[in-house]
Amino acid sequence: MHPRTRSVLGWVVFILAVVLVSTVSRAFAVQTYFVPTPSMTPTLVPGDRILVNKLSSTIHRGDIVVFHDVPADQGGPAVLVKRVIGLPGETISSVGATVYIDHKPLPEPWLPRLSGICAEGSEHIKTTKIGPGHYFMMGDCRGDSGDSRYWGTVPNSYIIGKVDLIMWRSGHPWVHWF
């Protein structure tokens, strides 16, 4: 085989391998999404491009996750971004701005200082027992978030993955790890 042909063939194989690895990783490992609504403001803003880890097996309280919209959320975006507040088997409720887990106030160190509509009074959480394999999701902008307070808990099977980083904001590269 001619050396030039071998070089071209090597590049073709390399490019095909890169495309294959990138396609497989997108399908199974990581994927980018954009933030569709202001419900996570100021942590995430509409239009932010986020990188989602689809291989995360453990979900913790405070994690930001991407999930398929639940049927009870009529007319919402097909994919949502919210924060995990309640875990399977817990009892959740709220009084004013204080969320209670198993009748104890929930410290929320991840919640940024809120202002404007985000700081306005939010819908109370009626006492709810979270079922096995379900999670209670809320937006950080409590005064402007359609979330589990309105449409109930999210089954684990709907969760796509955890948000690892913001990679794009306001039309420019912008990196922030979670």
Protein backbone atom coordinates (compact mmCIF):
# COMPACT_ATOMS: atom_id res chain seq x y z
CA MET A 1 0.00 0.00 0.00
CA HIS A 2 1.25 3.44 -0.92
CA PRO A 3 2.35 5.55 2.13
CA ARG A 4 0.02 8.41 1.18
CA THR A 5 -2.96 6.02 0.92
CA ARG A 6 -2.02 4.53 4.28
CA SER A 7 -1.91 8.03 5.82
CA VAL A 8 -5.33 8.99 4.39
CA LEU A 9 -6.79 5.65 5.50
CA GLY A 10 -5.35 6.23 8.99
CA TRP A 11 -7.03 9.63 9.21
CA VAL A 12 -10.36 8.21 8.01
CA VAL A 13 -10.22 5.48 10.66
CA PHE A 14 -9.27 8.05 13.32
CA ILE A 15 -12.17 10.37 12.39
CA LEU A 16 -14.63 7.47 12.36
CA ALA A 17 -13.40 6.38 15.80
CA VAL A 18 -13.83 9.92 17.18
CA VAL A 19 -17.37 10.13 15.77
CA LEU A 20 -18.23 6.71 17.21
CA VAL A 21 -16.84 7.52 20.68
CA SER A 22 -18.59 10.88 20.69
CA THR A 23 -21.93 9.33 19.66
CA VAL A 24 -21.69 6.57 22.26
CA SER A 25 -20.67 8.97 25.04
CA ARG A 26 -23.56 11.29 24.20
CA ALA A 27 -26.03 8.43 24.25
CA PHE A 28 -24.80 6.87 27.48
CA ALA A 29 -22.45 9.15 29.45
CA VAL A 30 -22.86 12.90 29.06
CA GLN A 31 -25.08 15.26 27.15
CA THR A 32 -25.62 18.99 26.90
CA TYR A 33 -28.97 20.62 27.56
CA PHE A 34 -30.19 24.18 27.76
CA VAL A 35 -32.14 25.65 30.67
CA PRO A 36 -35.68 26.27 29.34
CA THR A 37 -37.29 28.37 32.10
CA PRO A 38 -36.34 30.89 34.85
CA SER A 39 -37.32 28.48 37.66
CA MET A 40 -33.69 27.89 38.72
CA THR A 41 -32.71 31.58 38.74
CA PRO A 42 -30.21 32.79 39.90
CA THR A 43 -28.30 29.46 39.96
CA LEU A 44 -29.17 28.75 36.34
CA VAL A 45 -30.72 31.20 33.91
CA PRO A 46 -32.78 30.56 30.76
CA GLY A 47 -30.51 29.69 27.86
CA ASP A 48 -27.61 28.39 29.99
CA ARG A 49 -25.95 25.39 28.36
CA ILE A 50 -25.33 22.69 30.94
CA LEU A 51 -23.43 19.41 30.86
CA VAL A 52 -25.40 16.50 32.32
CA ASN A 53 -23.75 13.36 33.69
CA LYS A 54 -26.03 10.48 32.67
CA LEU A 55 -23.95 7.88 34.55
CA SER A 56 -24.58 9.28 38.04
CA SER A 57 -26.14 6.46 39.99
CA THR A 58 -26.74 8.16 43.34
CA ILE A 59 -28.98 11.17 43.71
CA HIS A 60 -28.53 13.36 46.77
CA ARG A 61 -30.59 16.16 48.25
CA GLY A 62 -29.41 19.45 46.75
CA ASP A 63 -28.35 17.93 43.42
CA ILE A 64 -29.56 19.72 40.29
CA VAL A 65 -31.01 17.19 37.87
CA VAL A 66 -32.46 17.08 34.37
CA PHE A 67 -35.55 14.93 33.91
CA HIS A 68 -38.40 14.22 31.51
CA ASP A 69 -41.51 16.25 32.23
CA VAL A 70 -44.17 14.41 34.23
CA PRO A 71 -47.64 13.93 32.68
CA ALA A 72 -49.30 16.10 35.37
CA ASP A 73 -47.33 19.15 34.13
CA GLN A 74 -49.59 19.98 31.21
CA GLY A 75 -47.89 22.04 28.53
CA GLY A 76 -44.46 22.33 30.14
CA PRO A 77 -41.12 21.81 28.36
CA ALA A 78 -40.32 18.18 27.50
CA VAL A 79 -37.20 18.27 29.70
CA LEU A 80 -36.96 20.14 33.02
CA VAL A 81 -34.12 21.22 35.30
CA LYS A 82 -34.79 21.34 39.07
CA ARG A 83 -33.13 20.75 42.43
CA VAL A 84 -33.72 17.56 44.45
CA ILE A 85 -35.32 18.53 47.77
CA GLY A 86 -37.03 15.36 49.04
CA LEU A 87 -35.78 11.76 48.82
CA PRO A 88 -37.65 8.44 48.64
CA GLY A 89 -39.38 7.49 51.90
CA GLU A 90 -39.25 10.96 53.45
CA THR A 91 -42.16 13.13 54.54
CA ILE A 92 -42.00 16.69 53.20
CA SER A 93 -44.00 19.81 54.07
CA SER A 94 -43.50 23.56 54.39
CA VAL A 95 -44.62 26.54 56.40
CA GLY A 96 -43.81 29.89 54.82
CA ALA A 97 -40.39 29.65 53.19
CA THR A 98 -39.22 26.82 55.49
CA VAL A 99 -39.21 23.30 54.06
CA TYR A 100 -39.53 20.42 56.54
CA ILE A 101 -38.18 16.92 55.99
CA ASP A 102 -39.56 14.38 58.44
CA HIS A 103 -40.86 17.33 60.54
CA LYS A 104 -37.40 18.97 60.86
CA PRO A 105 -36.46 22.25 59.13
CA LEU A 106 -34.33 21.63 56.06
CA PRO A 107 -31.11 23.66 55.91
CA GLU A 108 -30.57 24.67 52.29
CA PRO A 109 -26.96 25.86 52.00
CA TRP A 110 -27.15 25.50 48.21
CA LEU A 111 -29.99 28.03 47.91
CA PRO A 112 -28.60 31.40 46.76
CA ARG A 113 -29.84 34.70 48.14
CA LEU A 114 -33.14 35.32 46.37
CA SER A 115 -34.61 38.60 45.24
CA GLY A 116 -37.54 39.87 43.19
CA ILE A 117 -40.12 37.30 42.16
CA CYS A 118 -37.82 34.49 43.35
CA ALA A 119 -38.08 35.75 46.94
CA GLU A 120 -41.86 36.10 46.83
CA GLY A 121 -44.01 33.76 48.84
CA SER A 122 -44.23 30.33 47.33
CA GLU A 123 -46.86 27.63 47.25
CA HIS A 124 -46.95 25.68 50.50
CA ILE A 125 -46.06 22.00 50.42
CA LYS A 126 -48.86 19.97 51.91
CA THR A 127 -47.57 17.09 54.03
CA THR A 128 -46.54 14.45 51.51
CA LYS A 129 -44.94 11.03 51.94
CA ILE A 130 -42.51 10.56 49.06
CA GLY A 131 -42.91 7.11 47.56
CA PRO A 132 -40.14 4.59 46.86
CA GLY A 133 -38.10 5.53 43.80
CA HIS A 134 -39.56 9.07 43.67
CA TYR A 135 -38.06 12.50 44.31
CA PHE A 136 -39.51 15.89 45.27
CA MET A 137 -38.13 18.60 42.96
CA MET A 138 -38.19 22.37 43.36
CA GLY A 139 -36.76 25.30 41.46
CA ASP A 140 -34.43 27.69 43.28
CA CYS A 141 -36.69 30.59 42.24
CA ARG A 142 -39.42 29.47 44.62
CA GLY A 143 -41.85 32.24 43.67
CA ASP A 144 -41.70 31.36 39.95
CA SER A 145 -41.29 27.60 39.64
CA GLY A 146 -43.72 24.97 38.48
CA ASP A 147 -42.44 21.92 40.36
CA SER A 148 -43.37 19.03 42.66
CA ARG A 149 -45.52 21.38 44.75
CA TYR A 150 -47.91 21.48 41.79
CA TRP A 151 -47.47 18.22 39.88
CA GLY A 152 -46.16 15.76 42.46
CA THR A 153 -43.03 13.69 42.76
CA VAL A 154 -40.78 12.53 39.92
CA PRO A 155 -40.08 8.82 39.39
CA ASN A 156 -36.41 7.83 39.21
CA SER A 157 -37.03 6.46 35.69
CA TYR A 158 -37.71 10.03 34.46
CA ILE A 159 -34.33 11.34 35.62
CA ILE A 160 -31.81 11.78 32.81
CA GLY A 161 -28.84 12.79 34.95
CA LYS A 162 -27.14 15.29 37.25
CA VAL A 163 -25.94 18.70 36.15
CA ASP A 164 -22.14 18.80 36.44
CA LEU A 165 -21.38 22.22 34.98
CA ILE A 166 -22.58 25.31 33.19
CA MET A 167 -20.58 25.69 30.00
CA TRP A 168 -22.30 28.61 28.28
CA ARG A 169 -24.14 31.70 29.60
CA SER A 170 -25.41 34.85 27.91
CA GLY A 171 -24.00 33.88 24.53
CA HIS A 172 -20.46 33.30 25.81
CA PRO A 173 -18.38 30.45 27.24
CA TRP A 174 -18.78 30.45 31.01
CA VAL A 175 -17.68 27.56 33.20
CA HIS A 176 -19.07 26.79 36.64
CA TRP A 177 -18.78 23.31 38.24
CA PHE A 178 -21.34 21.90 40.67
